[in-house]
């Protein structure tokens, strides 16, 4: 069984970062992320109704896997978490720009 783990640290302080830590306080980042992910899920389900276990996500757990690239926030899901095994570890790259100044890292 394969599992992906990402380790996100503030390199200046050495503090490990959770998803909520990379956003300014009191911003509803989860809503924006879920809208982006659900948009992709709906589009892919039109092509094949069996690629995901459900037709949308309602929540992200507090320790959801993520990593940052220069221009993307990537949210990922483990095997079997939202789709059958053959889909592999599913990644949803989200443009950092849609968060504006609310994304602080």
PDB file of N, CA and C in Angstrom:
ATOM      1  N   UNK A   1       0.845  -1.169   0.000  1.00  0.00           N
ATOM      2  CA  UNK A   1       0.000   0.000   0.000  1.00  0.00           C
ATOM      3  C   UNK A   1       0.893   1.236   0.000  1.00  0.00           C
ATOM      4  N   UNK A   2       0.572   2.172  -0.824  1.00  0.00           N
ATOM      5  CA  UNK A   2       1.328   3.412  -0.925  1.00  0.00           C
ATOM      6  C   UNK A   2       0.597   4.509  -0.165  1.00  0.00           C
ATOM      7  N   UNK A   3       1.367   5.357   0.483  1.00  0.00           N
ATOM      8  CA  UNK A   3       0.805   6.508   1.179  1.00  0.00           C
ATOM      9  C   UNK A   3       1.720   7.692   0.933  1.00  0.00           C
ATOM     10  N   UNK A   4       1.134   8.838   0.706  1.00  0.00           N
ATOM     11  CA  UNK A   4       1.932  10.055   0.520  1.00  0.00           C
ATOM     12  C   UNK A   4       1.860  10.872   1.801  1.00  0.00           C
ATOM     13  N   UNK A   5       3.003  11.374   2.201  1.00  0.00           N
ATOM     14  CA  UNK A   5       3.073  12.276   3.351  1.00  0.00           C
ATOM     15  C   UNK A   5       3.849  13.510   2.928  1.00  0.00           C
ATOM     16  N   UNK A   6       3.329  14.636   3.279  1.00  0.00           N
ATOM     17  CA  UNK A   6       4.058  15.877   3.016  1.00  0.00           C
ATOM     18  C   UNK A   6       4.375  16.534   4.348  1.00  0.00           C
ATOM     19  N   UNK A   7       5.513  17.172   4.384  1.00  0.00           N
ATOM     20  CA  UNK A   7       5.944  17.868   5.584  1.00  0.00           C
ATOM     21  C   UNK A   7       6.160  19.323   5.198  1.00  0.00           C
ATOM     22  N   UNK A   8       5.336  20.183   5.760  1.00  0.00           N
ATOM     23  CA  UNK A   8       5.364  21.600   5.435  1.00  0.00           C
ATOM     24  C   UNK A   8       5.830  22.376   6.659  1.00  0.00           C
ATOM     25  N   UNK A   9       6.944  23.069   6.497  1.00  0.00           N
ATOM     26  CA  UNK A   9       7.525  23.815   7.608  1.00  0.00           C
ATOM     27  C   UNK A   9       7.759  25.263   7.216  1.00  0.00           C
ATOM     28  N   UNK A  10       7.614  26.140   8.169  1.00  0.00           N
ATOM     29  CA  UNK A  10       8.061  27.511   8.019  1.00  0.00           C
ATOM     30  C   UNK A  10       9.575  27.463   8.204  1.00  0.00           C
ATOM     31  N   UNK A  11      10.318  27.740   7.169  1.00  0.00           N
ATOM     32  CA  UNK A  11      11.772  27.593   7.235  1.00  0.00           C
ATOM     33  C   UNK A  11      12.444  28.633   8.121  1.00  0.00           C
ATOM     34  N   UNK A  12      11.750  29.714   8.414  1.00  0.00           N
ATOM     35  CA  UNK A  12      12.330  30.722   9.298  1.00  0.00           C
ATOM     36  C   UNK A  12      12.174  30.344  10.766  1.00  0.00           C
ATOM     37  N   UNK A  13      11.063  29.703  11.120  1.00  0.00           N
ATOM     38  CA  UNK A  13      10.806  29.381  12.530  1.00  0.00           C
ATOM     39  C   UNK A  13      10.984  27.904  12.841  1.00  0.00           C
ATOM     40  N   UNK A  14      10.931  27.059  11.814  1.00  0.00           N
ATOM     41  CA  UNK A  14      11.028  25.620  12.033  1.00  0.00           C
ATOM     42  C   UNK A  14       9.728  24.989  12.487  1.00  0.00           C
ATOM     43  N   UNK A  15       8.652  25.744  12.488  1.00  0.00           N
ATOM     44  CA  UNK A  15       7.346  25.243  12.925  1.00  0.00           C
ATOM     45  C   UNK A  15       6.668  24.491  11.796  1.00  0.00           C
ATOM     46  N   UNK A  16       6.137  23.300  12.125  1.00  0.00           N
ATOM     47  CA  UNK A  16       5.389  22.518  11.148  1.00  0.00           C
ATOM     48  C   UNK A  16       4.049  23.197  10.894  1.00  0.00           C
ATOM     49  N   UNK A  17       3.666  23.296   9.625  1.00  0.00           N
ATOM     50  CA  UNK A  17       2.464  24.014   9.238  1.00  0.00           C
ATOM     51  C   UNK A  17       1.334  23.055   8.878  1.00  0.00           C
ATOM     52  N   UNK A  18       0.154  23.362   9.360  1.00  0.00           N
ATOM     53  CA  UNK A  18      -1.051  22.665   8.921  1.00  0.00           C
ATOM     54  C   UNK A  18      -1.695  23.523   7.837  1.00  0.00           C
ATOM     55  N   UNK A  19      -2.714  23.010   7.210  1.00  0.00           N
ATOM     56  CA  UNK A  19      -3.382  23.747   6.142  1.00  0.00           C
ATOM     57  C   UNK A  19      -3.906  25.091   6.649  1.00  0.00           C
ATOM     58  N   UNK A  20      -4.481  25.114   7.831  1.00  0.00           N
ATOM     59  CA  UNK A  20      -5.027  26.372   8.352  1.00  0.00           C
ATOM     60  C   UNK A  20      -3.933  27.403   8.650  1.00  0.00           C
ATOM     61  N   UNK A  21      -2.720  26.954   8.906  1.00  0.00           N
ATOM     62  CA  UNK A  21      -1.616  27.863   9.233  1.00  0.00           C
ATOM     63  C   UNK A  21      -1.133  28.696   8.051  1.00  0.00           C
ATOM     64  N   UNK A  22      -1.412  28.253   6.844  1.00  0.00           N
ATOM     65  CA  UNK A  22      -0.879  28.980   5.686  1.00  0.00           C
ATOM     66  C   UNK A  22      -1.814  30.093   5.207  1.00  0.00           C
ATOM     67  N   UNK A  23      -2.931  30.252   5.919  1.00  0.00           N
ATOM     68  CA  UNK A  23      -3.890  31.298   5.572  1.00  0.00           C
ATOM     69  C   UNK A  23      -4.009  32.303   6.711  1.00  0.00           C
ATOM     70  N   UNK A  24      -4.428  33.523   6.362  1.00  0.00           N
ATOM     71  CA  UNK A  24      -4.700  34.511   7.399  1.00  0.00           C
ATOM     72  C   UNK A  24      -5.858  34.020   8.259  1.00  0.00           C
ATOM     73  N   UNK A  25      -5.937  34.521   9.458  1.00  0.00           N
ATOM     74  CA  UNK A  25      -6.993  34.107  10.376  1.00  0.00           C
ATOM     75  C   UNK A  25      -8.357  34.578   9.868  1.00  0.00           C
ATOM     76  N   UNK A  26      -9.374  33.841  10.204  1.00  0.00           N
ATOM     77  CA  UNK A  26     -10.764  34.171   9.901  1.00  0.00           C
ATOM     78  C   UNK A  26     -11.097  34.200   8.414  1.00  0.00           C
ATOM     79  N   UNK A  27     -10.322  33.491   7.603  1.00  0.00           N
ATOM     80  CA  UNK A  27     -10.658  33.374   6.187  1.00  0.00           C
ATOM     81  C   UNK A  27     -11.246  31.981   5.983  1.00  0.00           C
ATOM     82  N   UNK A  28     -12.270  31.884   5.143  1.00  0.00           N
ATOM     83  CA  UNK A  28     -12.920  30.599   4.897  1.00  0.00           C
ATOM     84  C   UNK A  28     -12.223  29.894   3.725  1.00  0.00           C
ATOM     85  N   UNK A  29     -10.983  29.501   3.943  1.00  0.00           N
ATOM     86  CA  UNK A  29     -10.192  28.843   2.894  1.00  0.00           C
ATOM     87  C   UNK A  29     -10.806  27.513   2.497  1.00  0.00           C
ATOM     88  N   UNK A  30     -11.433  26.813   3.447  1.00  0.00           N
ATOM     89  CA  UNK A  30     -12.010  25.502   3.152  1.00  0.00           C
ATOM     90  C   UNK A  30     -13.093  25.612   2.077  1.00  0.00           C
ATOM     91  N   UNK A  31     -13.906  26.643   2.144  1.00  0.00           N
ATOM     92  CA  UNK A  31     -14.972  26.847   1.158  1.00  0.00           C
ATOM     93  C   UNK A  31     -14.383  27.005  -0.242  1.00  0.00           C
ATOM     94  N   UNK A  32     -13.355  27.823  -0.361  1.00  0.00           N
ATOM     95  CA  UNK A  32     -12.715  28.063  -1.669  1.00  0.00           C
ATOM     96  C   UNK A  32     -12.100  26.773  -2.207  1.00  0.00           C
ATOM     97  N   UNK A  33     -11.395  26.047  -1.347  1.00  0.00           N
ATOM     98  CA  UNK A  33     -10.759  24.796  -1.766  1.00  0.00           C
ATOM     99  C   UNK A  33     -11.816  23.779  -2.198  1.00  0.00           C
ATOM    100  N   UNK A  34     -12.864  23.630  -1.412  1.00  0.00           N
ATOM    101  CA  UNK A  34     -13.917  22.664  -1.759  1.00  0.00           C
ATOM    102  C   UNK A  34     -14.619  23.035  -3.064  1.00  0.00           C
ATOM    103  N   UNK A  35     -14.841  24.309  -3.306  1.00  0.00           N
ATOM    104  CA  UNK A  35     -15.445  24.729  -4.571  1.00  0.00           C
ATOM    105  C   UNK A  35     -14.562  24.334  -5.750  1.00  0.00           C
ATOM    106  N   UNK A  36     -13.269  24.543  -5.628  1.00  0.00           N
ATOM    107  CA  UNK A  36     -12.343  24.185  -6.700  1.00  0.00           C
ATOM    108  C   UNK A  36     -12.311  22.668  -6.927  1.00  0.00           C
ATOM    109  N   UNK A  37     -12.213  21.915  -5.852  1.00  0.00           N
ATOM    110  CA  UNK A  37     -12.166  20.452  -5.966  1.00  0.00           C
ATOM    111  C   UNK A  37     -13.473  19.912  -6.527  1.00  0.00           C
ATOM    112  N   UNK A  38     -14.597  20.389  -6.009  1.00  0.00           N
ATOM    113  CA  UNK A  38     -15.891  19.902  -6.480  1.00  0.00           C
ATOM    114  C   UNK A  38     -16.140  20.237  -7.945  1.00  0.00           C
ATOM    115  N   UNK A  39     -15.598  21.344  -8.402  1.00  0.00           N
ATOM    116  CA  UNK A  39     -15.705  21.694  -9.820  1.00  0.00           C
ATOM    117  C   UNK A  39     -15.014  20.642 -10.690  1.00  0.00           C
ATOM    118  N   UNK A  40     -13.833  20.221 -10.267  1.00  0.00           N
ATOM    119  CA  UNK A  40     -13.087  19.193 -11.003  1.00  0.00           C
ATOM    120  C   UNK A  40     -13.818  17.851 -10.934  1.00  0.00           C
ATOM    121  N   UNK A  41     -14.291  17.498  -9.748  1.00  0.00           N
ATOM    122  CA  UNK A  41     -14.995  16.222  -9.572  1.00  0.00           C
ATOM    123  C   UNK A  41     -16.220  16.155 -10.480  1.00  0.00           C
ATOM    124  N   UNK A  42     -17.018  17.207 -10.496  1.00  0.00           N
ATOM    125  CA  UNK A  42     -18.233  17.215 -11.330  1.00  0.00           C
ATOM    126  C   UNK A  42     -17.894  17.069 -12.806  1.00  0.00           C
ATOM    127  N   UNK A  43     -16.837  17.754 -13.236  1.00  0.00           N
ATOM    128  CA  UNK A  43     -16.428  17.679 -14.639  1.00  0.00           C
ATOM    129  C   UNK A  43     -15.988  16.250 -14.999  1.00  0.00           C
ATOM    130  N   UNK A  44     -15.195  15.629 -14.129  1.00  0.00           N
ATOM    131  CA  UNK A  44     -14.721  14.270 -14.408  1.00  0.00           C
ATOM    132  C   UNK A  44     -15.838  13.237 -14.313  1.00  0.00           C
ATOM    133  N   UNK A  45     -16.808  13.461 -13.433  1.00  0.00           N
ATOM    134  CA  UNK A  45     -17.930  12.524 -13.312  1.00  0.00           C
ATOM    135  C   UNK A  45     -18.818  12.527 -14.552  1.00  0.00           C
ATOM    136  N   UNK A  46     -18.858  13.649 -15.271  1.00  0.00           N
ATOM    137  CA  UNK A  46     -19.620  13.698 -16.522  1.00  0.00           C
ATOM    138  C   UNK A  46     -19.027  12.751 -17.558  1.00  0.00           C
ATOM    139  N   UNK A  47     -17.707  12.622 -17.546  1.00  0.00           N
ATOM    140  CA  UNK A  47     -17.025  11.741 -18.496  1.00  0.00           C
ATOM    141  C   UNK A  47     -17.107  10.281 -18.075  1.00  0.00           C
ATOM    142  N   UNK A  48     -17.026  10.025 -16.768  1.00  0.00           N
ATOM    143  CA  UNK A  48     -17.094   8.661 -16.248  1.00  0.00           C
ATOM    144  C   UNK A  48     -17.703   8.708 -14.849  1.00  0.00           C
ATOM    145  N   UNK A  49     -18.913   8.196 -14.676  1.00  0.00           N
ATOM    146  CA  UNK A  49     -19.597   8.293 -13.382  1.00  0.00           C
ATOM    147  C   UNK A  49     -19.014   7.418 -12.278  1.00  0.00           C
ATOM    148  N   UNK A  50     -17.958   6.674 -12.556  1.00  0.00           N
ATOM    149  CA  UNK A  50     -17.390   5.763 -11.566  1.00  0.00           C
ATOM    150  C   UNK A  50     -15.993   6.160 -11.093  1.00  0.00           C
ATOM    151  N   UNK A  51     -15.553   7.378 -11.411  1.00  0.00           N
ATOM    152  CA  UNK A  51     -14.186   7.760 -11.058  1.00  0.00           C
ATOM    153  C   UNK A  51     -14.037   8.245  -9.618  1.00  0.00           C
ATOM    154  N   UNK A  52     -15.152   8.564  -8.956  1.00  0.00           N
ATOM    155  CA  UNK A  52     -15.126   8.977  -7.543  1.00  0.00           C
ATOM    156  C   UNK A  52     -16.208   8.218  -6.788  1.00  0.00           C
ATOM    157  N   UNK A  53     -16.034   8.098  -5.485  1.00  0.00           N
ATOM    158  CA  UNK A  53     -17.021   7.418  -4.660  1.00  0.00           C
ATOM    159  C   UNK A  53     -18.269   8.260  -4.433  1.00  0.00           C
ATOM    160  N   UNK A  54     -18.149   9.569  -4.481  1.00  0.00           N
ATOM    161  CA  UNK A  54     -19.293  10.455  -4.279  1.00  0.00           C
ATOM    162  C   UNK A  54     -19.188  11.602  -5.262  1.00  0.00           C
ATOM    163  N   UNK A  55     -20.278  12.343  -5.405  1.00  0.00           N
ATOM    164  CA  UNK A  55     -20.286  13.393  -6.421  1.00  0.00           C
ATOM    165  C   UNK A  55     -19.761  14.738  -5.932  1.00  0.00           C
ATOM    166  N   UNK A  56     -19.475  14.859  -4.641  1.00  0.00           N
ATOM    167  CA  UNK A  56     -18.843  16.080  -4.130  1.00  0.00           C
ATOM    168  C   UNK A  56     -18.306  15.852  -2.726  1.00  0.00           C
ATOM    169  N   UNK A  57     -17.416  16.734  -2.325  1.00  0.00           N
ATOM    170  CA  UNK A  57     -16.875  16.715  -0.964  1.00  0.00           C
ATOM    171  C   UNK A  57     -17.548  17.812  -0.165  1.00  0.00           C
ATOM    172  N   UNK A  58     -17.841  17.517   1.088  1.00  0.00           N
ATOM    173  CA  UNK A  58     -18.480  18.509   1.951  1.00  0.00           C
ATOM    174  C   UNK A  58     -17.514  19.141   2.939  1.00  0.00           C
ATOM    175  N   UNK A  59     -16.453  18.423   3.303  1.00  0.00           N
ATOM    176  CA  UNK A  59     -15.495  18.948   4.273  1.00  0.00           C
ATOM    177  C   UNK A  59     -14.088  18.455   3.942  1.00  0.00           C
ATOM    178  N   UNK A  60     -13.124  19.148   4.505  1.00  0.00           N
ATOM    179  CA  UNK A  60     -11.736  18.703   4.494  1.00  0.00           C
ATOM    180  C   UNK A  60     -11.374  18.428   5.944  1.00  0.00           C
ATOM    181  N   UNK A  61     -10.703  17.318   6.205  1.00  0.00           N
ATOM    182  CA  UNK A  61     -10.318  17.120   7.600  1.00  0.00           C
ATOM    183  C   UNK A  61      -9.156  18.061   7.934  1.00  0.00           C
ATOM    184  N   UNK A  62      -8.973  18.308   9.215  1.00  0.00           N
ATOM    185  CA  UNK A  62      -8.037  19.340   9.646  1.00  0.00           C
ATOM    186  C   UNK A  62      -6.590  19.043   9.249  1.00  0.00           C
ATOM    187  N   UNK A  63      -6.251  17.799   9.045  1.00  0.00           N
ATOM    188  CA  UNK A  63      -4.868  17.471   8.675  1.00  0.00           C
ATOM    189  C   UNK A  63      -4.761  16.973   7.233  1.00  0.00           C
ATOM    190  N   UNK A  64      -5.559  17.543   6.362  1.00  0.00           N
ATOM    191  CA  UNK A  64      -5.568  17.165   4.948  1.00  0.00           C
ATOM    192  C   UNK A  64      -4.185  17.358   4.352  1.00  0.00           C
ATOM    193  N   UNK A  65      -3.766  16.396   3.549  1.00  0.00           N
ATOM    194  CA  UNK A  65      -2.465  16.470   2.907  1.00  0.00           C
ATOM    195  C   UNK A  65      -2.410  17.589   1.878  1.00  0.00           C
ATOM    196  N   UNK A  66      -1.332  18.339   1.928  1.00  0.00           N
ATOM    197  CA  UNK A  66      -1.147  19.435   0.974  1.00  0.00           C
ATOM    198  C   UNK A  66       0.336  19.731   0.831  1.00  0.00           C
ATOM    199  N   UNK A  67       0.655  20.431  -0.246  1.00  0.00           N
ATOM    200  CA  UNK A  67       1.976  21.027  -0.387  1.00  0.00           C
ATOM    201  C   UNK A  67       1.853  22.237  -1.292  1.00  0.00           C
ATOM    202  N   UNK A  68       2.843  23.078  -1.244  1.00  0.00           N
ATOM    203  CA  UNK A  68       2.854  24.304  -2.034  1.00  0.00           C
ATOM    204  C   UNK A  68       3.928  24.233  -3.103  1.00  0.00           C
ATOM    205  N   UNK A  69       3.583  24.723  -4.275  1.00  0.00           N
ATOM    206  CA  UNK A  69       4.584  24.954  -5.310  1.00  0.00           C
ATOM    207  C   UNK A  69       4.654  26.464  -5.506  1.00  0.00           C
ATOM    208  N   UNK A  70       5.441  26.894  -6.444  1.00  0.00           N
ATOM    209  CA  UNK A  70       5.585  28.328  -6.661  1.00  0.00           C
ATOM    210  C   UNK A  70       4.252  29.005  -6.965  1.00  0.00           C
ATOM    211  N   UNK A  71       3.391  28.336  -7.747  1.00  0.00           N
ATOM    212  CA  UNK A  71       2.134  28.973  -8.142  1.00  0.00           C
ATOM    213  C   UNK A  71       0.874  28.179  -7.794  1.00  0.00           C
ATOM    214  N   UNK A  72       1.008  27.066  -7.079  1.00  0.00           N
ATOM    215  CA  UNK A  72      -0.146  26.221  -6.764  1.00  0.00           C
ATOM    216  C   UNK A  72      -0.148  25.808  -5.294  1.00  0.00           C
ATOM    217  N   UNK A  73      -1.360  25.616  -4.785  1.00  0.00           N
ATOM    218  CA  UNK A  73      -1.588  24.885  -3.547  1.00  0.00           C
ATOM    219  C   UNK A  73      -2.139  23.551  -4.007  1.00  0.00           C
ATOM    220  N   UNK A  74      -1.490  22.465  -3.643  1.00  0.00           N
ATOM    221  CA  UNK A  74      -1.911  21.139  -4.087  1.00  0.00           C
ATOM    222  C   UNK A  74      -2.498  20.395  -2.892  1.00  0.00           C
ATOM    223  N   UNK A  75      -3.770  20.020  -3.019  1.00  0.00           N
ATOM    224  CA  UNK A  75      -4.450  19.208  -2.016  1.00  0.00           C
ATOM    225  C   UNK A  75      -4.463  17.790  -2.562  1.00  0.00           C
ATOM    226  N   UNK A  76      -4.094  16.815  -1.747  1.00  0.00           N
ATOM    227  CA  UNK A  76      -4.096  15.443  -2.248  1.00  0.00           C
ATOM    228  C   UNK A  76      -4.859  14.508  -1.309  1.00  0.00           C
ATOM    229  N   UNK A  77      -5.325  13.413  -1.916  1.00  0.00           N
ATOM    230  CA  UNK A  77      -6.110  12.403  -1.210  1.00  0.00           C
ATOM    231  C   UNK A  77      -5.438  11.054  -1.388  1.00  0.00           C
ATOM    232  N   UNK A  78      -5.387  10.295  -0.309  1.00  0.00           N
ATOM    233  CA  UNK A  78      -4.746   8.979  -0.321  1.00  0.00           C
ATOM    234  C   UNK A  78      -5.571   7.975  -1.134  1.00  0.00           C
ATOM    235  N   UNK A  79      -4.962   6.828  -1.382  1.00  0.00           N
ATOM    236  CA  UNK A  79      -5.658   5.735  -2.057  1.00  0.00           C
ATOM    237  C   UNK A  79      -6.946   5.415  -1.308  1.00  0.00           C
ATOM    238  N   UNK A  80      -8.002   5.182  -2.045  1.00  0.00           N
ATOM    239  CA  UNK A  80      -9.324   4.818  -1.513  1.00  0.00           C
ATOM    240  C   UNK A  80     -10.024   5.939  -0.746  1.00  0.00           C
ATOM    241  N   UNK A  81      -9.399   7.072  -0.562  1.00  0.00           N
ATOM    242  CA  UNK A  81     -10.027   8.118   0.246  1.00  0.00           C
ATOM    243  C   UNK A  81     -11.256   8.709  -0.449  1.00  0.00           C
ATOM    244  N   UNK A  82     -11.139   8.996  -1.735  1.00  0.00           N
ATOM    245  CA  UNK A  82     -12.286   9.549  -2.457  1.00  0.00           C
ATOM    246  C   UNK A  82     -12.559   8.830  -3.778  1.00  0.00           C
ATOM    247  N   UNK A  83     -11.699   7.886  -4.115  1.00  0.00           N
ATOM    248  CA  UNK A  83     -11.833   7.220  -5.412  1.00  0.00           C
ATOM    249  C   UNK A  83     -11.264   5.806  -5.346  1.00  0.00           C
ATOM    250  N   UNK A  84     -11.591   4.982  -6.334  1.00  0.00           N
ATOM    251  CA  UNK A  84     -11.044   3.623  -6.360  1.00  0.00           C
ATOM    252  C   UNK A  84      -9.516   3.613  -6.474  1.00  0.00           C
ATOM    253  N   UNK A  85      -8.932   2.491  -6.095  1.00  0.00           N
ATOM    254  CA  UNK A  85      -7.482   2.319  -6.072  1.00  0.00           C
ATOM    255  C   UNK A  85      -6.829   2.652  -7.411  1.00  0.00           C
ATOM    256  N   UNK A  86      -7.454   2.238  -8.501  1.00  0.00           N
ATOM    257  CA  UNK A  86      -6.823   2.421  -9.815  1.00  0.00           C
ATOM    258  C   UNK A  86      -6.579   3.887 -10.158  1.00  0.00           C
ATOM    259  N   UNK A  87      -7.247   4.821  -9.454  1.00  0.00           N
ATOM    260  CA  UNK A  87      -7.042   6.247  -9.701  1.00  0.00           C
ATOM    261  C   UNK A  87      -5.757   6.751  -9.065  1.00  0.00           C
ATOM    262  N   UNK A  88      -5.211   5.986  -8.116  1.00  0.00           N
ATOM    263  CA  UNK A  88      -3.974   6.401  -7.469  1.00  0.00           C
ATOM    264  C   UNK A  88      -4.219   7.497  -6.438  1.00  0.00           C
ATOM    265  N   UNK A  89      -3.165   8.145  -6.047  1.00  0.00           N
ATOM    266  CA  UNK A  89      -3.253   9.285  -5.141  1.00  0.00           C
ATOM    267  C   UNK A  89      -3.693  10.476  -5.982  1.00  0.00           C
ATOM    268  N   UNK A  90      -4.814  11.053  -5.606  1.00  0.00           N
ATOM    269  CA  UNK A  90      -5.416  12.106  -6.426  1.00  0.00           C
ATOM    270  C   UNK A  90      -4.987  13.469  -5.913  1.00  0.00           C
ATOM    271  N   UNK A  91      -4.524  14.293  -6.832  1.00  0.00           N
ATOM    272  CA  UNK A  91      -4.087  15.651  -6.507  1.00  0.00           C
ATOM    273  C   UNK A  91      -4.993  16.673  -7.175  1.00  0.00           C
ATOM    274  N   UNK A  92      -5.251  17.747  -6.462  1.00  0.00           N
ATOM    275  CA  UNK A  92      -6.006  18.874  -6.992  1.00  0.00           C
ATOM    276  C   UNK A  92      -5.138  20.124  -6.875  1.00  0.00           C
ATOM    277  N   UNK A  93      -4.472  20.521  -7.961  1.00  0.00           N
ATOM    278  CA  UNK A  93      -3.691  21.758  -7.917  1.00  0.00           C
ATOM    279  C   UNK A  93      -4.624  22.962  -8.032  1.00  0.00           C
ATOM    280  N   UNK A  94      -4.464  23.914  -7.124  1.00  0.00           N
ATOM    281  CA  UNK A  94      -5.307  25.100  -7.085  1.00  0.00           C
ATOM    282  C   UNK A  94      -4.405  26.323  -7.208  1.00  0.00           C
ATOM    283  N   UNK A  95      -4.744  27.209  -8.137  1.00  0.00           N
ATOM    284  CA  UNK A  95      -3.943  28.426  -8.311  1.00  0.00           C
ATOM    285  C   UNK A  95      -3.895  29.223  -7.021  1.00  0.00           C
ATOM    286  N   UNK A  96      -2.708  29.590  -6.629  1.00  0.00           N
ATOM    287  CA  UNK A  96      -2.546  30.381  -5.412  1.00  0.00           C
ATOM    288  C   UNK A  96      -3.229  31.740  -5.530  1.00  0.00           C
ATOM    289  N   UNK A  97      -3.345  32.244  -6.748  1.00  0.00           N
ATOM    290  CA  UNK A  97      -3.921  33.577  -6.968  1.00  0.00           C
ATOM    291  C   UNK A  97      -5.358  33.699  -6.488  1.00  0.00           C
ATOM    292  N   UNK A  98      -6.125  32.603  -6.481  1.00  0.00           N
ATOM    293  CA  UNK A  98      -7.535  32.732  -6.090  1.00  0.00           C
ATOM    294  C   UNK A  98      -7.693  33.045  -4.602  1.00  0.00           C
ATOM    295  N   UNK A  99      -6.639  32.866  -3.828  1.00  0.00           N
ATOM    296  CA  UNK A  99      -6.697  33.172  -2.400  1.00  0.00           C
ATOM    297  C   UNK A  99      -6.277  34.617  -2.108  1.00  0.00           C
ATOM    298  N   UNK A 100      -5.716  35.280  -3.109  1.00  0.00           N
ATOM    299  CA  UNK A 100      -5.279  36.659  -2.905  1.00  0.00           C
ATOM    300  C   UNK A 100      -4.279  36.769  -1.764  1.00  0.00           C
ATOM    301  N   UNK A 101      -4.464  37.774  -0.932  1.00  0.00           N
ATOM    302  CA  UNK A 101      -3.557  38.000   0.187  1.00  0.00           C
ATOM    303  C   UNK A 101      -3.837  37.087   1.381  1.00  0.00           C
ATOM    304  N   UNK A 102      -4.866  36.240   1.281  1.00  0.00           N
ATOM    305  CA  UNK A 102      -5.200  35.354   2.392  1.00  0.00           C
ATOM    306  C   UNK A 102      -4.233  34.177   2.521  1.00  0.00           C
ATOM    307  N   UNK A 103      -3.511  33.850   1.463  1.00  0.00           N
ATOM    308  CA  UNK A 103      -2.493  32.804   1.507  1.00  0.00           C
ATOM    309  C   UNK A 103      -1.178  33.458   1.886  1.00  0.00           C
ATOM    310  N   UNK A 104      -0.660  33.150   3.062  1.00  0.00           N
ATOM    311  CA  UNK A 104       0.482  33.906   3.566  1.00  0.00           C
ATOM    312  C   UNK A 104       1.835  33.238   3.353  1.00  0.00           C
ATOM    313  N   UNK A 105       1.865  32.050   2.790  1.00  0.00           N
ATOM    314  CA  UNK A 105       3.145  31.386   2.540  1.00  0.00           C
ATOM    315  C   UNK A 105       3.347  31.179   1.064  1.00  0.00           C
TER     316      UNK A 105
END
